[in-house]
Amino acid sequence: MVKVLEGAENLEKPNDIEEMGLQAFSSDPKQRLMCQCKIKKGDVTIEY
């Protein structure tokens, strides 16, 4: 679980597996599971 600080628009939408994980952890909208998300272009800055 990481917090996306910049570049969220450069990530693909969460897939089904990531969605289930995010719901299980009651994450906030800026959090993503980095083991599941994919960068489609550009840079992404995260905090972990």
PDB file of N, CA and C in Angstrom:
ATOM      1  N   MET A   1       0.852  -1.158   0.000  1.00  0.00           N
ATOM      2  CA  MET A   1       0.000   0.000   0.000  1.00  0.00           C
ATOM      3  C   MET A   1       0.903   1.227   0.000  1.00  0.00           C
ATOM      4  N   VAL A   2       0.695   2.102  -0.950  1.00  0.00           N
ATOM      5  CA  VAL A   2       1.451   3.356  -1.034  1.00  0.00           C
ATOM      6  C   VAL A   2       0.475   4.506  -1.248  1.00  0.00           C
ATOM      7  N   LYS A   3       0.930   5.702  -0.939  1.00  0.00           N
ATOM      8  CA  LYS A   3       0.156   6.911  -1.201  1.00  0.00           C
ATOM      9  C   LYS A   3       0.754   7.576  -2.436  1.00  0.00           C
ATOM     10  N   VAL A   4      -0.085   7.871  -3.418  1.00  0.00           N
ATOM     11  CA  VAL A   4       0.375   8.521  -4.643  1.00  0.00           C
ATOM     12  C   VAL A   4       0.380  10.027  -4.396  1.00  0.00           C
ATOM     13  N   LEU A   5       1.567  10.630  -4.426  1.00  0.00           N
ATOM     14  CA  LEU A   5       1.718  12.066  -4.178  1.00  0.00           C
ATOM     15  C   LEU A   5       1.556  12.880  -5.453  1.00  0.00           C
ATOM     16  N   GLU A   6       2.096  12.382  -6.551  1.00  0.00           N
ATOM     17  CA  GLU A   6       2.023  13.056  -7.851  1.00  0.00           C
ATOM     18  C   GLU A   6       1.946  12.017  -8.954  1.00  0.00           C
ATOM     19  N   GLY A   7       1.254  12.359 -10.025  1.00  0.00           N
ATOM     20  CA  GLY A   7       1.227  11.512 -11.210  1.00  0.00           C
ATOM     21  C   GLY A   7       0.166  10.432 -11.207  1.00  0.00           C
ATOM     22  N   ALA A   8      -0.860  10.552 -10.386  1.00  0.00           N
ATOM     23  CA  ALA A   8      -1.923   9.537 -10.355  1.00  0.00           C
ATOM     24  C   ALA A   8      -2.559   9.363 -11.734  1.00  0.00           C
ATOM     25  N   GLU A   9      -2.585  10.423 -12.514  1.00  0.00           N
ATOM     26  CA  GLU A   9      -3.164  10.351 -13.860  1.00  0.00           C
ATOM     27  C   GLU A   9      -2.335   9.468 -14.792  1.00  0.00           C
ATOM     28  N   ASN A  10      -1.102   9.157 -14.400  1.00  0.00           N
ATOM     29  CA  ASN A  10      -0.227   8.308 -15.202  1.00  0.00           C
ATOM     30  C   ASN A  10      -0.396   6.823 -14.893  1.00  0.00           C
ATOM     31  N   LEU A  11      -1.256   6.493 -13.931  1.00  0.00           N
ATOM     32  CA  LEU A  11      -1.508   5.106 -13.571  1.00  0.00           C
ATOM     33  C   LEU A  11      -2.785   4.611 -14.239  1.00  0.00           C
ATOM     34  N   GLU A  12      -2.779   3.329 -14.596  1.00  0.00           N
ATOM     35  CA  GLU A  12      -4.007   2.735 -15.108  1.00  0.00           C
ATOM     36  C   GLU A  12      -5.006   2.608 -13.962  1.00  0.00           C
ATOM     37  N   LYS A  13      -6.278   2.487 -14.301  1.00  0.00           N
ATOM     38  CA  LYS A  13      -7.308   2.302 -13.291  1.00  0.00           C
ATOM     39  C   LYS A  13      -7.047   0.992 -12.548  1.00  0.00           C
ATOM     40  N   PRO A  14      -7.440   0.903 -11.282  1.00  0.00           N
ATOM     41  CA  PRO A  14      -7.238  -0.347 -10.535  1.00  0.00           C
ATOM     42  C   PRO A  14      -7.946  -1.526 -11.193  1.00  0.00           C
ATOM     43  N   ASN A  15      -7.232  -2.666 -11.262  1.00  0.00           N
ATOM     44  CA  ASN A  15      -7.864  -3.879 -11.782  1.00  0.00           C
ATOM     45  C   ASN A  15      -8.710  -4.510 -10.668  1.00  0.00           C
ATOM     46  N   ASP A  16      -9.388  -5.598 -10.957  1.00  0.00           N
ATOM     47  CA  ASP A  16     -10.289  -6.228  -9.988  1.00  0.00           C
ATOM     48  C   ASP A  16      -9.572  -6.666  -8.714  1.00  0.00           C
ATOM     49  N   ILE A  17      -8.375  -7.222  -8.857  1.00  0.00           N
ATOM     50  CA  ILE A  17      -7.617  -7.687  -7.687  1.00  0.00           C
ATOM     51  C   ILE A  17      -7.234  -6.504  -6.805  1.00  0.00           C
ATOM     52  N   GLU A  18      -6.765  -5.422  -7.423  1.00  0.00           N
ATOM     53  CA  GLU A  18      -6.394  -4.246  -6.654  1.00  0.00           C
ATOM     54  C   GLU A  18      -7.620  -3.640  -5.967  1.00  0.00           C
ATOM     55  N   GLU A  19      -8.734  -3.571  -6.673  1.00  0.00           N
ATOM     56  CA  GLU A  19      -9.971  -3.038  -6.080  1.00  0.00           C
ATOM     57  C   GLU A  19     -10.361  -3.809  -4.828  1.00  0.00           C
ATOM     58  N   MET A  20     -10.278  -5.137  -4.885  1.00  0.00           N
ATOM     59  CA  MET A  20     -10.618  -5.957  -3.718  1.00  0.00           C
ATOM     60  C   MET A  20      -9.677  -5.661  -2.556  1.00  0.00           C
ATOM     61  N   GLY A  21      -8.380  -5.529  -2.843  1.00  0.00           N
ATOM     62  CA  GLY A  21      -7.406  -5.214  -1.800  1.00  0.00           C
ATOM     63  C   GLY A  21      -7.634  -3.848  -1.198  1.00  0.00           C
ATOM     64  N   LEU A  22      -7.931  -2.858  -2.034  1.00  0.00           N
ATOM     65  CA  LEU A  22      -8.181  -1.504  -1.537  1.00  0.00           C
ATOM     66  C   LEU A  22      -9.423  -1.474  -0.656  1.00  0.00           C
ATOM     67  N   GLN A  23     -10.451  -2.189  -1.040  1.00  0.00           N
ATOM     68  CA  GLN A  23     -11.669  -2.254  -0.230  1.00  0.00           C
ATOM     69  C   GLN A  23     -11.405  -2.960   1.093  1.00  0.00           C
ATOM     70  N   ALA A  24     -10.609  -4.008   1.079  1.00  0.00           N
ATOM     71  CA  ALA A  24     -10.303  -4.762   2.300  1.00  0.00           C
ATOM     72  C   ALA A  24      -9.560  -3.909   3.314  1.00  0.00           C
ATOM     73  N   PHE A  25      -8.713  -2.991   2.827  1.00  0.00           N
ATOM     74  CA  PHE A  25      -7.937  -2.135   3.715  1.00  0.00           C
ATOM     75  C   PHE A  25      -8.605  -0.790   3.976  1.00  0.00           C
ATOM     76  N   SER A  26      -9.806  -0.587   3.448  1.00  0.00           N
ATOM     77  CA  SER A  26     -10.522   0.692   3.606  1.00  0.00           C
ATOM     78  C   SER A  26      -9.595   1.867   3.318  1.00  0.00           C
ATOM     79  N   SER A  27      -8.931   1.812   2.182  1.00  0.00           N
ATOM     80  CA  SER A  27      -7.934   2.814   1.815  1.00  0.00           C
ATOM     81  C   SER A  27      -8.571   4.147   1.430  1.00  0.00           C
ATOM     82  N   ASP A  28      -7.751   5.194   1.464  1.00  0.00           N
ATOM     83  CA  ASP A  28      -8.232   6.498   0.991  1.00  0.00           C
ATOM     84  C   ASP A  28      -7.981   6.563  -0.519  1.00  0.00           C
ATOM     85  N   PRO A  29      -8.652   7.474  -1.226  1.00  0.00           N
ATOM     86  CA  PRO A  29      -8.576   7.509  -2.698  1.00  0.00           C
ATOM     87  C   PRO A  29      -7.170   7.697  -3.282  1.00  0.00           C
ATOM     88  N   LYS A  30      -6.237   8.223  -2.497  1.00  0.00           N
ATOM     89  CA  LYS A  30      -4.883   8.438  -3.014  1.00  0.00           C
ATOM     90  C   LYS A  30      -3.982   7.224  -2.810  1.00  0.00           C
ATOM     91  N   GLN A  31      -4.485   6.165  -2.192  1.00  0.00           N
ATOM     92  CA  GLN A  31      -3.675   4.985  -1.954  1.00  0.00           C
ATOM     93  C   GLN A  31      -3.873   3.959  -3.056  1.00  0.00           C
ATOM     94  N   ARG A  32      -2.793   3.234  -3.336  1.00  0.00           N
ATOM     95  CA  ARG A  32      -2.820   2.178  -4.358  1.00  0.00           C
ATOM     96  C   ARG A  32      -1.972   1.009  -3.878  1.00  0.00           C
ATOM     97  N   LEU A  33      -2.236  -0.158  -4.439  1.00  0.00           N
ATOM     98  CA  LEU A  33      -1.413  -1.340  -4.191  1.00  0.00           C
ATOM     99  C   LEU A  33      -0.382  -1.410  -5.314  1.00  0.00           C
ATOM    100  N   MET A  34       0.857  -1.078  -5.012  1.00  0.00           N
ATOM    101  CA  MET A  34       1.876  -1.003  -6.054  1.00  0.00           C
ATOM    102  C   MET A  34       2.203  -2.352  -6.675  1.00  0.00           C
ATOM    103  N   CYS A  35       1.888  -3.435  -5.985  1.00  0.00           N
ATOM    104  CA  CYS A  35       2.142  -4.751  -6.586  1.00  0.00           C
ATOM    105  C   CYS A  35       1.130  -5.052  -7.692  1.00  0.00           C
ATOM    106  N   GLN A  36       0.076  -4.251  -7.802  1.00  0.00           N
ATOM    107  CA  GLN A  36      -0.966  -4.486  -8.790  1.00  0.00           C
ATOM    108  C   GLN A  36      -1.080  -3.387  -9.835  1.00  0.00           C
ATOM    109  N   CYS A  37      -0.767  -2.145  -9.478  1.00  0.00           N
ATOM    110  CA  CYS A  37      -1.023  -1.059 -10.436  1.00  0.00           C
ATOM    111  C   CYS A  37       0.083  -0.969 -11.487  1.00  0.00           C
ATOM    112  N   LYS A  38      -0.286  -0.404 -12.629  1.00  0.00           N
ATOM    113  CA  LYS A  38       0.638  -0.282 -13.761  1.00  0.00           C
ATOM    114  C   LYS A  38       0.738   1.177 -14.182  1.00  0.00           C
ATOM    115  N   ILE A  39       1.972   1.590 -14.485  1.00  0.00           N
ATOM    116  CA  ILE A  39       2.207   2.937 -14.986  1.00  0.00           C
ATOM    117  C   ILE A  39       1.998   2.910 -16.496  1.00  0.00           C
ATOM    118  N   LYS A  40       1.120   3.790 -16.988  1.00  0.00           N
ATOM    119  CA  LYS A  40       0.873   3.809 -18.436  1.00  0.00           C
ATOM    120  C   LYS A  40       1.755   4.816 -19.153  1.00  0.00           C
ATOM    121  N   LYS A  41       2.238   5.854 -18.436  1.00  0.00           N
ATOM    122  CA  LYS A  41       3.149   6.840 -19.038  1.00  0.00           C
ATOM    123  C   LYS A  41       3.696   7.732 -17.939  1.00  0.00           C
ATOM    124  N   GLY A  42       4.728   8.479 -18.229  1.00  0.00           N
ATOM    125  CA  GLY A  42       5.238   9.517 -17.342  1.00  0.00           C
ATOM    126  C   GLY A  42       5.779   9.017 -16.010  1.00  0.00           C
ATOM    127  N   ASP A  43       5.787   9.936 -15.041  1.00  0.00           N
ATOM    128  CA  ASP A  43       6.348   9.679 -13.725  1.00  0.00           C
ATOM    129  C   ASP A  43       5.253   9.628 -12.664  1.00  0.00           C
ATOM    130  N   VAL A  44       5.545   8.877 -11.607  1.00  0.00           N
ATOM    131  CA  VAL A  44       4.643   8.775 -10.465  1.00  0.00           C
ATOM    132  C   VAL A  44       5.495   8.905  -9.203  1.00  0.00           C
ATOM    133  N   THR A  45       5.094   9.777  -8.301  1.00  0.00           N
ATOM    134  CA  THR A  45       5.797   9.939  -7.023  1.00  0.00           C
ATOM    135  C   THR A  45       4.925   9.337  -5.937  1.00  0.00           C
ATOM    136  N   ILE A  46       5.536   8.436  -5.140  1.00  0.00           N
ATOM    137  CA  ILE A  46       4.786   7.755  -4.090  1.00  0.00           C
ATOM    138  C   ILE A  46       5.435   7.949  -2.735  1.00  0.00           C
ATOM    139  N   GLU A  47       4.674   7.653  -1.690  1.00  0.00           N
ATOM    140  CA  GLU A  47       5.174   7.619  -0.321  1.00  0.00           C
ATOM    141  C   GLU A  47       4.785   6.266   0.245  1.00  0.00           C
ATOM    142  N   TYR A  48       5.724   5.579   0.875  1.00  0.00           N
ATOM    143  CA  TYR A  48       5.391   4.281   1.450  1.00  0.00           C
ATOM    144  C   TYR A  48       5.863   4.169   2.861  1.00  0.00           C
TER     145      TYR A  48
END
